[in-house]
Amino acid sequence: MVAPSARSGSDAIIQVRNLTNQFGAHVVHKNLNLDVYRGEILGVVGGSGTGKSVLLRSIVGLQKPAQGTVHIFGQDALAASPDQRSAMERRFGVLFQSGALFSSLTVTENIAMPLMEHAGMSRPEAEHLAGLKIALAGLRAEAGQQYPASLSGGMVKRAALARALALDPEILFLDEPTAGLDPIGAGAFDQLILTLRDALGLTVFLVTHDLDTLYTICDRVAVLSDKKVLVADTLQVVEAADDAWVHDYFHGPRGRAAQKAAKPAQESK
């Protein structure tokens, strides 16, 4: 993987330029810029109200910005035709914080749906492939016949991840993937994301509050503050940023604990 200092805009799989998001008179982002590089896991953090999920939604096309541009795979996502946009969206998967599974469908049916709709597969073909995605997400085969309401929180996350992986995406967008999970479940999910990134060559855009996740799997971290990206770099650089929120977040008791826990893994690499 290319070191952050050696990268340029031409290496970016996602380029956000001068992005402004607002709701009525409330401005969430103002002239925000961010690059996401192929093959990296980028963690996006920030205080409450800084628009982390809004930024994700703007990139994937669920939130139309007031101004600015978003280029994905070198294409202008905001100016793309419906057909171009559809082709682009098939190249990324999204895991929403709630999982966003259809409650009336089984896990297998949830995963098979995009395969039938976007890949033109028959139901038997789609359900067979759904079974492979279920295994890839670390679920047992019998989970495929269950409905979302019968799943634990960790199983919902993994089922939603399996659906996000259905179309073999190049980019994976994750919105608070470990929220609501116990520490053991969150740690297992972190390792799953790291394994999938390495095995499948994914690029991961990860919105999180979880310090353990940042220190365990993220190559870079982008901090949202004052309506823009304050810094986007390695954890070592981000930790040293001259900003009160960054200092409180990374150097408070939980930040110090996460740093200490991450050191053995980093030293073993």
C-alpha atoms as a PDB file:
ATOM      1  CA  MET A   1       0.000   0.000   0.000  1.00  0.00           C
ATOM      2  CA  VAL A   2       1.287   3.451  -0.936  1.00  0.00           C
ATOM      3  CA  ALA A   3       2.286   5.664   1.970  1.00  0.00           C
ATOM      4  CA  PRO A   4      -0.042   8.667   2.469  1.00  0.00           C
ATOM      5  CA  SER A   5       2.793  11.127   1.865  1.00  0.00           C
ATOM      6  CA  ALA A   6       3.470   9.576  -1.558  1.00  0.00           C
ATOM      7  CA  ARG A   7      -0.100   9.721  -2.773  1.00  0.00           C
ATOM      8  CA  SER A   8      -1.677  12.278  -5.062  1.00  0.00           C
ATOM      9  CA  GLY A   9      -5.185  13.098  -6.216  1.00  0.00           C
ATOM     10  CA  SER A  10      -4.669  10.902  -9.259  1.00  0.00           C
ATOM     11  CA  ASP A  11      -4.443   7.861  -6.937  1.00  0.00           C
ATOM     12  CA  ALA A  12      -7.870   8.520  -5.431  1.00  0.00           C
ATOM     13  CA  ILE A  13     -10.800   6.203  -6.122  1.00  0.00           C
ATOM     14  CA  ILE A  14     -13.094   8.846  -4.562  1.00  0.00           C
ATOM     15  CA  GLN A  15     -12.520  12.602  -4.844  1.00  0.00           C
ATOM     16  CA  VAL A  16     -14.756  15.068  -3.001  1.00  0.00           C
ATOM     17  CA  ARG A  17     -14.212  18.721  -3.876  1.00  0.00           C
ATOM     18  CA  ASN A  18     -15.726  21.880  -2.402  1.00  0.00           C
ATOM     19  CA  LEU A  19     -18.730  19.969  -1.075  1.00  0.00           C
ATOM     20  CA  THR A  20     -21.440  21.976   0.663  1.00  0.00           C
ATOM     21  CA  ASN A  21     -24.394  20.322   2.399  1.00  0.00           C
ATOM     22  CA  GLN A  22     -27.124  22.264   4.094  1.00  0.00           C
ATOM     23  CA  PHE A  23     -30.635  21.756   5.385  1.00  0.00           C
ATOM     24  CA  GLY A  24     -32.515  25.035   5.178  1.00  0.00           C
ATOM     25  CA  ALA A  25     -30.314  27.630   6.829  1.00  0.00           C
ATOM     26  CA  HIS A  26     -28.227  24.995   8.626  1.00  0.00           C
ATOM     27  CA  VAL A  27     -24.911  24.401   6.864  1.00  0.00           C
ATOM     28  CA  VAL A  28     -23.384  21.002   7.673  1.00  0.00           C
ATOM     29  CA  HIS A  29     -20.415  21.075   5.274  1.00  0.00           C
ATOM     30  CA  LYS A  30     -18.813  24.054   3.544  1.00  0.00           C
ATOM     31  CA  ASN A  31     -16.221  23.555   0.799  1.00  0.00           C
ATOM     32  CA  LEU A  32     -15.247  20.132   2.138  1.00  0.00           C
ATOM     33  CA  ASN A  33     -12.466  18.244   0.338  1.00  0.00           C
ATOM     34  CA  LEU A  34     -11.486  14.594   0.758  1.00  0.00           C
ATOM     35  CA  ASP A  35      -9.676  11.858  -1.170  1.00  0.00           C
ATOM     36  CA  VAL A  36     -10.141   8.135  -0.584  1.00  0.00           C
ATOM     37  CA  TYR A  37      -7.403   5.902  -1.992  1.00  0.00           C
ATOM     38  CA  ARG A  38      -7.836   2.507  -3.596  1.00  0.00           C
ATOM     39  CA  GLY A  39      -7.313  -0.377  -1.176  1.00  0.00           C
ATOM     40  CA  GLU A  40      -7.303   1.635   2.031  1.00  0.00           C
ATOM     41  CA  ILE A  41      -9.583   1.598   5.042  1.00  0.00           C
ATOM     42  CA  LEU A  42     -10.426   5.218   5.801  1.00  0.00           C
ATOM     43  CA  GLY A  43     -12.060   5.977   9.143  1.00  0.00           C
ATOM     44  CA  VAL A  44     -14.214   9.114   9.322  1.00  0.00           C
ATOM     45  CA  VAL A  45     -14.692  10.638  12.765  1.00  0.00           C
ATOM     46  CA  GLY A  46     -15.936  13.891  14.264  1.00  0.00           C
ATOM     47  CA  GLY A  47     -18.067  15.344  16.989  1.00  0.00           C
ATOM     48  CA  SER A  48     -21.844  15.146  17.065  1.00  0.00           C
ATOM     49  CA  GLY A  49     -23.389  17.172  14.257  1.00  0.00           C
ATOM     50  CA  THR A  50     -20.298  17.294  12.046  1.00  0.00           C
ATOM     51  CA  GLY A  51     -22.114  15.379   9.311  1.00  0.00           C
ATOM     52  CA  LYS A  52     -20.231  12.096   9.091  1.00  0.00           C
ATOM     53  CA  SER A  53     -23.233  10.113   7.860  1.00  0.00           C
ATOM     54  CA  VAL A  54     -24.334  13.048   5.679  1.00  0.00           C
ATOM     55  CA  LEU A  55     -20.956  12.911   3.935  1.00  0.00           C
ATOM     56  CA  LEU A  56     -21.343   9.177   3.329  1.00  0.00           C
ATOM     57  CA  ARG A  57     -24.841   9.689   1.972  1.00  0.00           C
ATOM     58  CA  SER A  58     -23.606  12.466  -0.326  1.00  0.00           C
ATOM     59  CA  ILE A  59     -20.952  10.209  -1.806  1.00  0.00           C
ATOM     60  CA  VAL A  60     -23.281   7.247  -2.405  1.00  0.00           C
ATOM     61  CA  GLY A  61     -25.965   9.476  -3.923  1.00  0.00           C
ATOM     62  CA  LEU A  62     -28.607   9.511  -1.176  1.00  0.00           C
ATOM     63  CA  GLN A  63     -28.057  13.173  -0.299  1.00  0.00           C
ATOM     64  CA  LYS A  64     -27.779  15.815  -3.025  1.00  0.00           C
ATOM     65  CA  PRO A  65     -25.271  18.480  -1.992  1.00  0.00           C
ATOM     66  CA  ALA A  66     -25.918  22.176  -2.440  1.00  0.00           C
ATOM     67  CA  GLN A  67     -22.659  22.481  -4.353  1.00  0.00           C
ATOM     68  CA  GLY A  68     -19.395  20.733  -5.067  1.00  0.00           C
ATOM     69  CA  THR A  69     -18.369  17.602  -6.933  1.00  0.00           C
ATOM     70  CA  VAL A  70     -17.971  13.914  -6.143  1.00  0.00           C
ATOM     71  CA  HIS A  71     -15.879  11.789  -8.490  1.00  0.00           C
ATOM     72  CA  ILE A  72     -15.947   8.008  -8.086  1.00  0.00           C
ATOM     73  CA  PHE A  73     -13.855   5.757 -10.339  1.00  0.00           C
ATOM     74  CA  GLY A  74     -12.912   8.950 -12.229  1.00  0.00           C
ATOM     75  CA  GLN A  75     -16.549   9.745 -13.083  1.00  0.00           C
ATOM     76  CA  ASP A  76     -18.563  12.749 -11.950  1.00  0.00           C
ATOM     77  CA  ALA A  77     -21.164  11.001  -9.798  1.00  0.00           C
ATOM     78  CA  LEU A  78     -23.426  14.046  -9.528  1.00  0.00           C
ATOM     79  CA  ALA A  79     -23.553  14.647 -13.298  1.00  0.00           C
ATOM     80  CA  ALA A  80     -23.898  10.990 -14.299  1.00  0.00           C
ATOM     81  CA  SER A  81     -26.916   9.818 -16.276  1.00  0.00           C
ATOM     82  CA  PRO A  82     -29.287   7.348 -14.586  1.00  0.00           C
ATOM     83  CA  ASP A  83     -27.671   4.454 -16.473  1.00  0.00           C
ATOM     84  CA  GLN A  84     -24.163   5.636 -15.596  1.00  0.00           C
ATOM     85  CA  ARG A  85     -25.175   6.123 -11.983  1.00  0.00           C
ATOM     86  CA  SER A  86     -26.704   2.640 -11.814  1.00  0.00           C
ATOM     87  CA  ALA A  87     -23.523   1.089 -13.231  1.00  0.00           C
ATOM     88  CA  MET A  88     -21.445   3.030 -10.706  1.00  0.00           C
ATOM     89  CA  GLU A  89     -23.625   1.981  -7.771  1.00  0.00           C
ATOM     90  CA  ARG A  90     -23.197  -1.676  -8.677  1.00  0.00           C
ATOM     91  CA  ARG A  91     -19.510  -1.217  -7.921  1.00  0.00           C
ATOM     92  CA  PHE A  92     -20.019  -0.327  -4.272  1.00  0.00           C
ATOM     93  CA  GLY A  93     -21.865  -1.764  -1.307  1.00  0.00           C
ATOM     94  CA  VAL A  94     -23.368   0.079   1.658  1.00  0.00           C
ATOM     95  CA  LEU A  95     -23.942  -1.089   5.221  1.00  0.00           C
ATOM     96  CA  PHE A  96     -26.218   1.303   7.114  1.00  0.00           C
ATOM     97  CA  GLN A  97     -26.073   1.672  10.881  1.00  0.00           C
ATOM     98  CA  SER A  98     -29.439  -0.026  11.424  1.00  0.00           C
ATOM     99  CA  GLY A  99     -28.680  -2.755   8.901  1.00  0.00           C
ATOM    100  CA  ALA A 100     -31.698  -1.648   6.804  1.00  0.00           C
ATOM    101  CA  LEU A 101     -32.735  -5.213   6.052  1.00  0.00           C
ATOM    102  CA  PHE A 102     -36.254  -5.836   4.767  1.00  0.00           C
ATOM    103  CA  SER A 103     -38.129  -7.268   7.752  1.00  0.00           C
ATOM    104  CA  SER A 104     -40.537  -9.281   5.605  1.00  0.00           C
ATOM    105  CA  LEU A 105     -37.722 -11.141   3.804  1.00  0.00           C
ATOM    106  CA  THR A 106     -35.377 -13.823   5.071  1.00  0.00           C
ATOM    107  CA  VAL A 107     -31.649 -13.131   5.170  1.00  0.00           C
ATOM    108  CA  THR A 108     -31.193 -15.126   1.973  1.00  0.00           C
ATOM    109  CA  GLU A 109     -33.975 -13.195   0.242  1.00  0.00           C
ATOM    110  CA  ASN A 110     -32.493  -9.867   1.380  1.00  0.00           C
ATOM    111  CA  ILE A 111     -29.160 -10.768  -0.193  1.00  0.00           C
ATOM    112  CA  ALA A 112     -30.674 -12.322  -3.323  1.00  0.00           C
ATOM    113  CA  MET A 113     -32.766  -9.253  -4.140  1.00  0.00           C
ATOM    114  CA  PRO A 114     -29.970  -7.043  -5.554  1.00  0.00           C
ATOM    115  CA  LEU A 115     -28.607 -10.029  -7.468  1.00  0.00           C
ATOM    116  CA  MET A 116     -31.949 -10.520  -9.208  1.00  0.00           C
ATOM    117  CA  GLU A 117     -32.608  -6.806  -9.725  1.00  0.00           C
ATOM    118  CA  HIS A 118     -29.164  -5.642 -10.840  1.00  0.00           C
ATOM    119  CA  ALA A 119     -27.372  -8.768 -12.072  1.00  0.00           C
ATOM    120  CA  GLY A 120     -30.396 -10.362 -13.765  1.00  0.00           C
ATOM    121  CA  MET A 121     -29.990 -13.673 -11.953  1.00  0.00           C
ATOM    122  CA  SER A 122     -32.772 -16.174 -11.557  1.00  0.00           C
ATOM    123  CA  ARG A 123     -34.013 -16.771  -8.015  1.00  0.00           C
ATOM    124  CA  PRO A 124     -32.224 -20.143  -7.649  1.00  0.00           C
ATOM    125  CA  GLU A 125     -28.954 -18.634  -8.907  1.00  0.00           C
ATOM    126  CA  ALA A 126     -29.294 -15.588  -6.650  1.00  0.00           C
ATOM    127  CA  GLU A 127     -30.141 -17.636  -3.578  1.00  0.00           C
ATOM    128  CA  HIS A 128     -27.207 -19.963  -4.200  1.00  0.00           C
ATOM    129  CA  LEU A 129     -24.830 -17.002  -4.405  1.00  0.00           C
ATOM    130  CA  ALA A 130     -26.510 -15.472  -1.344  1.00  0.00           C
ATOM    131  CA  GLY A 131     -25.470 -18.572   0.567  1.00  0.00           C
ATOM    132  CA  LEU A 132     -21.848 -17.945  -0.368  1.00  0.00           C
ATOM    133  CA  LYS A 133     -22.090 -14.316   0.788  1.00  0.00           C
ATOM    134  CA  ILE A 134     -23.633 -15.458   4.081  1.00  0.00           C
ATOM    135  CA  ALA A 135     -20.617 -17.688   4.673  1.00  0.00           C
ATOM    136  CA  LEU A 136     -18.255 -14.892   3.631  1.00  0.00           C
ATOM    137  CA  ALA A 137     -19.799 -12.635   6.286  1.00  0.00           C
ATOM    138  CA  GLY A 138     -19.170 -15.255   8.953  1.00  0.00           C
ATOM    139  CA  LEU A 139     -22.737 -16.496   9.422  1.00  0.00           C
ATOM    140  CA  ARG A 140     -23.856 -20.088   9.539  1.00  0.00           C
ATOM    141  CA  ALA A 141     -25.883 -21.387   6.610  1.00  0.00           C
ATOM    142  CA  GLU A 142     -29.076 -21.720   8.702  1.00  0.00           C
ATOM    143  CA  ALA A 143     -29.080 -17.947   9.277  1.00  0.00           C
ATOM    144  CA  GLY A 144     -30.199 -17.573   5.681  1.00  0.00           C
ATOM    145  CA  GLN A 145     -33.682 -18.877   6.522  1.00  0.00           C
ATOM    146  CA  GLN A 146     -34.168 -16.517   9.446  1.00  0.00           C
ATOM    147  CA  TYR A 147     -35.951 -13.164   9.414  1.00  0.00           C
ATOM    148  CA  PRO A 148     -34.164 -10.028  10.676  1.00  0.00           C
ATOM    149  CA  ALA A 149     -36.340  -9.818  13.806  1.00  0.00           C
ATOM    150  CA  SER A 150     -34.983 -13.162  15.029  1.00  0.00           C
ATOM    151  CA  LEU A 151     -31.324 -12.175  14.661  1.00  0.00           C
ATOM    152  CA  SER A 152     -28.994 -10.802  17.312  1.00  0.00           C
ATOM    153  CA  GLY A 153     -27.432  -7.373  16.758  1.00  0.00           C
ATOM    154  CA  GLY A 154     -24.175  -8.908  15.590  1.00  0.00           C
ATOM    155  CA  MET A 155     -25.969 -11.222  13.182  1.00  0.00           C
ATOM    156  CA  VAL A 156     -27.924  -8.301  11.718  1.00  0.00           C
ATOM    157  CA  LYS A 157     -24.631  -6.492  11.042  1.00  0.00           C
ATOM    158  CA  ARG A 158     -23.176  -9.549   9.329  1.00  0.00           C
ATOM    159  CA  ALA A 159     -26.348 -10.167   7.300  1.00  0.00           C
ATOM    160  CA  ALA A 160     -26.317  -6.531   6.172  1.00  0.00           C
ATOM    161  CA  LEU A 161     -22.635  -6.898   5.302  1.00  0.00           C
ATOM    162  CA  ALA A 162     -23.419  -9.997   3.240  1.00  0.00           C
ATOM    163  CA  ARG A 163     -26.013  -7.997   1.313  1.00  0.00           C
ATOM    164  CA  ALA A 164     -23.521  -5.139   0.817  1.00  0.00           C
ATOM    165  CA  LEU A 165     -21.100  -7.695  -0.668  1.00  0.00           C
ATOM    166  CA  ALA A 166     -23.737  -9.258  -2.943  1.00  0.00           C
ATOM    167  CA  LEU A 167     -22.604  -7.579  -6.167  1.00  0.00           C
ATOM    168  CA  ASP A 168     -18.852  -7.990  -5.502  1.00  0.00           C
ATOM    169  CA  PRO A 169     -18.254  -4.276  -4.866  1.00  0.00           C
ATOM    170  CA  GLU A 170     -14.953  -2.454  -5.175  1.00  0.00           C
ATOM    171  CA  ILE A 171     -15.847   0.065  -2.452  1.00  0.00           C
ATOM    172  CA  LEU A 172     -17.551  -0.731   0.840  1.00  0.00           C
ATOM    173  CA  PHE A 173     -19.294   2.070   2.748  1.00  0.00           C
ATOM    174  CA  LEU A 174     -19.894   1.323   6.427  1.00  0.00           C
ATOM    175  CA  ASP A 175     -21.919   3.597   8.720  1.00  0.00           C
ATOM    176  CA  GLU A 176     -21.153   2.873  12.394  1.00  0.00           C
ATOM    177  CA  PRO A 177     -20.756  -0.881  11.766  1.00  0.00           C
ATOM    178  CA  THR A 178     -19.871  -1.748  15.380  1.00  0.00           C
ATOM    179  CA  ALA A 179     -22.482   0.485  17.049  1.00  0.00           C
ATOM    180  CA  GLY A 180     -24.554  -1.523  19.523  1.00  0.00           C
ATOM    181  CA  LEU A 181     -22.187  -4.493  19.569  1.00  0.00           C
ATOM    182  CA  ASP A 182     -20.444  -5.746  22.682  1.00  0.00           C
ATOM    183  CA  PRO A 183     -16.628  -5.457  22.709  1.00  0.00           C
ATOM    184  CA  ILE A 184     -16.104  -9.078  21.637  1.00  0.00           C
ATOM    185  CA  GLY A 185     -18.594  -8.792  18.781  1.00  0.00           C
ATOM    186  CA  ALA A 186     -17.159  -5.444  17.703  1.00  0.00           C
ATOM    187  CA  GLY A 187     -13.630  -6.827  17.708  1.00  0.00           C
ATOM    188  CA  ALA A 188     -14.681  -9.822  15.624  1.00  0.00           C
ATOM    189  CA  PHE A 189     -16.440  -7.540  13.148  1.00  0.00           C
ATOM    190  CA  ASP A 190     -13.328  -5.354  12.845  1.00  0.00           C
ATOM    191  CA  GLN A 191     -11.229  -8.395  12.020  1.00  0.00           C
ATOM    192  CA  LEU A 192     -13.795  -9.536   9.460  1.00  0.00           C
ATOM    193  CA  ILE A 193     -13.602  -6.179   7.654  1.00  0.00           C
ATOM    194  CA  LEU A 194      -9.812  -6.301   7.662  1.00  0.00           C
ATOM    195  CA  THR A 195      -9.827  -9.858   6.302  1.00  0.00           C
ATOM    196  CA  LEU A 196     -12.319  -8.999   3.564  1.00  0.00           C
ATOM    197  CA  ARG A 197     -10.360  -5.905   2.547  1.00  0.00           C
ATOM    198  CA  ASP A 198      -7.172  -7.923   2.213  1.00  0.00           C
ATOM    199  CA  ALA A 199      -8.802 -10.917   0.514  1.00  0.00           C
ATOM    200  CA  LEU A 200     -11.050  -9.026  -1.909  1.00  0.00           C
ATOM    201  CA  GLY A 201      -8.998  -5.880  -2.493  1.00  0.00           C
ATOM    202  CA  LEU A 202     -11.766  -3.634  -1.199  1.00  0.00           C
ATOM    203  CA  THR A 203     -11.600   0.078  -0.489  1.00  0.00           C
ATOM    204  CA  VAL A 204     -13.456   0.838   2.755  1.00  0.00           C
ATOM    205  CA  PHE A 205     -15.044   4.157   3.777  1.00  0.00           C
ATOM    206  CA  LEU A 206     -15.885   3.757   7.443  1.00  0.00           C
ATOM    207  CA  VAL A 207     -17.870   6.160   9.637  1.00  0.00           C
ATOM    208  CA  THR A 208     -17.287   5.286  13.284  1.00  0.00           C
ATOM    209  CA  HIS A 209     -17.034   6.469  16.870  1.00  0.00           C
ATOM    210  CA  ASP A 210     -15.159   3.344  17.879  1.00  0.00           C
ATOM    211  CA  LEU A 211     -11.566   4.106  18.851  1.00  0.00           C
ATOM    212  CA  ASP A 212     -10.677   0.408  18.873  1.00  0.00           C
ATOM    213  CA  THR A 213     -11.794   0.167  15.251  1.00  0.00           C
ATOM    214  CA  LEU A 214      -9.641   3.148  14.278  1.00  0.00           C
ATOM    215  CA  TYR A 215      -6.518   1.706  15.879  1.00  0.00           C
ATOM    216  CA  THR A 216      -7.139  -1.863  14.758  1.00  0.00           C
ATOM    217  CA  ILE A 217      -7.983  -1.595  11.058  1.00  0.00           C
ATOM    218  CA  CYS A 218      -7.812   1.958   9.675  1.00  0.00           C
ATOM    219  CA  ASP A 219      -4.946   3.041   7.414  1.00  0.00           C
ATOM    220  CA  ARG A 220      -5.938   6.695   7.634  1.00  0.00           C
ATOM    221  CA  VAL A 221      -8.410   8.770   9.622  1.00  0.00           C
ATOM    222  CA  ALA A 222     -10.320  11.851   8.441  1.00  0.00           C
ATOM    223  CA  VAL A 223     -11.552  14.238  11.135  1.00  0.00           C
ATOM    224  CA  LEU A 224     -14.601  16.398  10.388  1.00  0.00           C
ATOM    225  CA  SER A 225     -14.633  19.727  12.183  1.00  0.00           C
ATOM    226  CA  ASP A 226     -15.927  23.232  11.475  1.00  0.00           C
ATOM    227  CA  LYS A 227     -17.841  22.029   8.374  1.00  0.00           C
ATOM    228  CA  LYS A 228     -14.759  20.584   6.643  1.00  0.00           C
ATOM    229  CA  VAL A 229     -12.075  17.899   6.876  1.00  0.00           C
ATOM    230  CA  LEU A 230      -9.661  19.180   9.500  1.00  0.00           C
ATOM    231  CA  VAL A 231      -7.045  16.492   8.794  1.00  0.00           C
ATOM    232  CA  ALA A 232      -6.907  13.196   6.889  1.00  0.00           C
ATOM    233  CA  ASP A 233      -3.786  11.158   7.531  1.00  0.00           C
ATOM    234  CA  THR A 234      -2.314   8.336   9.580  1.00  0.00           C
ATOM    235  CA  LEU A 235      -3.310   8.086  13.226  1.00  0.00           C
ATOM    236  CA  GLN A 236       0.092   9.362  14.313  1.00  0.00           C
ATOM    237  CA  VAL A 237      -0.391  12.566  12.332  1.00  0.00           C
ATOM    238  CA  VAL A 238      -4.045  12.962  13.313  1.00  0.00           C
ATOM    239  CA  GLU A 239      -3.285  12.522  17.023  1.00  0.00           C
ATOM    240  CA  ALA A 240      -0.857  15.454  16.841  1.00  0.00           C
ATOM    241  CA  ALA A 241      -3.356  17.867  15.251  1.00  0.00           C
ATOM    242  CA  ASP A 242      -3.720  21.147  17.114  1.00  0.00           C
ATOM    243  CA  ASP A 243      -7.426  20.885  17.830  1.00  0.00           C
ATOM    244  CA  ALA A 244      -9.302  20.653  21.132  1.00  0.00           C
ATOM    245  CA  TRP A 245     -11.720  17.933  19.986  1.00  0.00           C
ATOM    246  CA  VAL A 246      -8.900  15.825  18.536  1.00  0.00           C
ATOM    247  CA  HIS A 247      -6.950  16.131  21.782  1.00  0.00           C
ATOM    248  CA  ASP A 248      -9.929  15.159  23.948  1.00  0.00           C
ATOM    249  CA  TYR A 249     -10.925  12.295  21.653  1.00  0.00           C
ATOM    250  CA  PHE A 250      -7.530  10.688  21.054  1.00  0.00           C
ATOM    251  CA  HIS A 251      -5.765  11.545  24.285  1.00  0.00           C
ATOM    252  CA  GLY A 252      -8.578  10.964  26.770  1.00  0.00           C
ATOM    253  CA  PRO A 253      -8.802   7.744  28.823  1.00  0.00           C
ATOM    254  CA  ARG A 254     -10.459   5.718  26.055  1.00  0.00           C
ATOM    255  CA  GLY A 255      -8.067   6.987  23.431  1.00  0.00           C
ATOM    256  CA  ARG A 256      -5.055   6.059  25.540  1.00  0.00           C
ATOM    257  CA  ALA A 257      -6.524   2.609  26.189  1.00  0.00           C
ATOM    258  CA  ALA A 258      -7.107   2.037  22.465  1.00  0.00           C
ATOM    259  CA  GLN A 259      -3.551   3.155  21.658  1.00  0.00           C
ATOM    260  CA  LYS A 260      -2.132   0.785  24.274  1.00  0.00           C
ATOM    261  CA  ALA A 261      -4.206  -2.139  23.015  1.00  0.00           C
ATOM    262  CA  ALA A 262      -3.154  -1.478  19.416  1.00  0.00           C
ATOM    263  CA  LYS A 263       0.599  -1.418  20.086  1.00  0.00           C
ATOM    264  CA  PRO A 264       1.182  -5.219  20.271  1.00  0.00           C
ATOM    265  CA  ALA A 265      -0.589  -5.758  16.940  1.00  0.00           C
ATOM    266  CA  GLN A 266       1.330  -2.926  15.288  1.00  0.00           C
ATOM    267  CA  GLU A 267       4.665  -4.187  16.614  1.00  0.00           C
ATOM    268  CA  SER A 268       3.987  -7.697  15.291  1.00  0.00           C
ATOM    269  CA  LYS A 269       3.469  -6.486  11.721  1.00  0.00           C
END
